[in-house]
Protein backbone atom coordinates (compact mmCIF):
# COMPACT_ATOMS: atom_id res chain seq x y z
CA UNK A 1 -10.10 11.33 -6.09
CA UNK A 2 -10.81 7.67 -6.74
CA UNK A 3 -11.19 4.96 -4.14
CA UNK A 4 -9.91 1.39 -4.16
CA UNK A 5 -11.88 -0.24 -1.33
CA UNK A 6 -10.18 0.49 1.98
CA UNK A 7 -7.86 3.26 0.78
CA UNK A 8 -8.01 6.16 -1.66
CA UNK A 9 -5.29 7.43 -3.98
CA UNK A 10 -2.97 9.84 -2.21
CA UNK A 11 -3.90 8.61 1.25
CA UNK A 12 -1.12 8.60 3.83
CA UNK A 13 -0.51 5.06 5.16
CA UNK A 14 1.86 3.08 7.35
CA UNK A 15 3.73 0.14 5.83
CA UNK A 16 4.40 -2.55 8.44
CA UNK A 17 7.61 -4.53 8.10
CA UNK A 18 8.19 -8.13 9.17
CA UNK A 19 10.17 -6.89 12.20
CA UNK A 20 7.26 -4.73 13.40
CA UNK A 21 8.76 -1.46 12.17
CA UNK A 22 6.48 1.09 10.49
CA UNK A 23 7.38 3.34 7.58
CA UNK A 24 5.41 6.25 6.16
CA UNK A 25 4.09 5.86 2.62
CA UNK A 26 1.47 7.16 0.20
CA UNK A 27 -1.15 4.82 -1.25
CA UNK A 28 -1.17 4.92 -5.05
CA UNK A 29 -3.64 2.18 -5.98
CA UNK A 30 -4.57 -1.46 -5.83
CA UNK A 31 -2.57 -4.21 -7.49
CA UNK A 32 -4.44 -5.67 -10.44
CA UNK A 33 -3.32 -9.24 -11.11
CA UNK A 34 -2.60 -10.72 -7.69
CA UNK A 35 -6.01 -12.13 -6.77
CA UNK A 36 -6.68 -13.20 -10.36
CA UNK A 37 -3.64 -15.48 -10.17
CA UNK A 38 -4.48 -16.72 -6.67
CA UNK A 39 -2.13 -14.45 -4.71
CA UNK A 40 -2.91 -12.05 -1.88
CA UNK A 41 -4.39 -8.61 -2.65
CA UNK A 42 -1.65 -6.10 -3.45
CA UNK A 43 -1.29 -2.33 -3.19
CA UNK A 44 1.01 0.16 -4.88
CA UNK A 45 2.68 2.60 -2.51
CA UNK A 46 5.36 5.29 -2.71
CA UNK A 47 7.78 6.18 0.07
CA UNK A 48 7.91 9.99 0.22
CA UNK A 49 11.45 10.11 1.63
CA UNK A 50 13.00 8.17 -1.27
CA UNK A 51 10.24 8.61 -3.89
CA UNK A 52 10.50 4.89 -4.65
CA UNK A 53 7.38 2.92 -5.47
CA UNK A 54 6.64 -0.65 -4.46
CA UNK A 55 3.95 -3.27 -4.77
CA UNK A 56 3.21 -4.83 -1.38
CA UNK A 57 0.58 -7.03 0.23
CA UNK A 58 -2.48 -5.01 1.16
CA UNK A 59 -2.57 -6.41 4.69
CA UNK A 60 0.81 -4.76 5.40
CA UNK A 61 -0.62 -1.23 5.26
CA UNK A 62 -2.88 0.72 7.60
CA UNK A 63 -4.14 4.32 7.46
CA UNK A 64 -2.15 7.04 9.20
CA UNK A 65 -4.07 9.47 11.37
């Protein structure tokens, strides 16, 4: 299992929405080009209920216990 700093692939995380809601997700990996182009660090996640993947800002996710 590889690690990408704060999270590891397959780790269960919470995604925090702008309205304060939380949604369960699985961490897939870190975004590659965001910081290179001056943007915020990104993460790739997958929502297990819909199996859809997204790229989101890393500061919007926290580990689930």
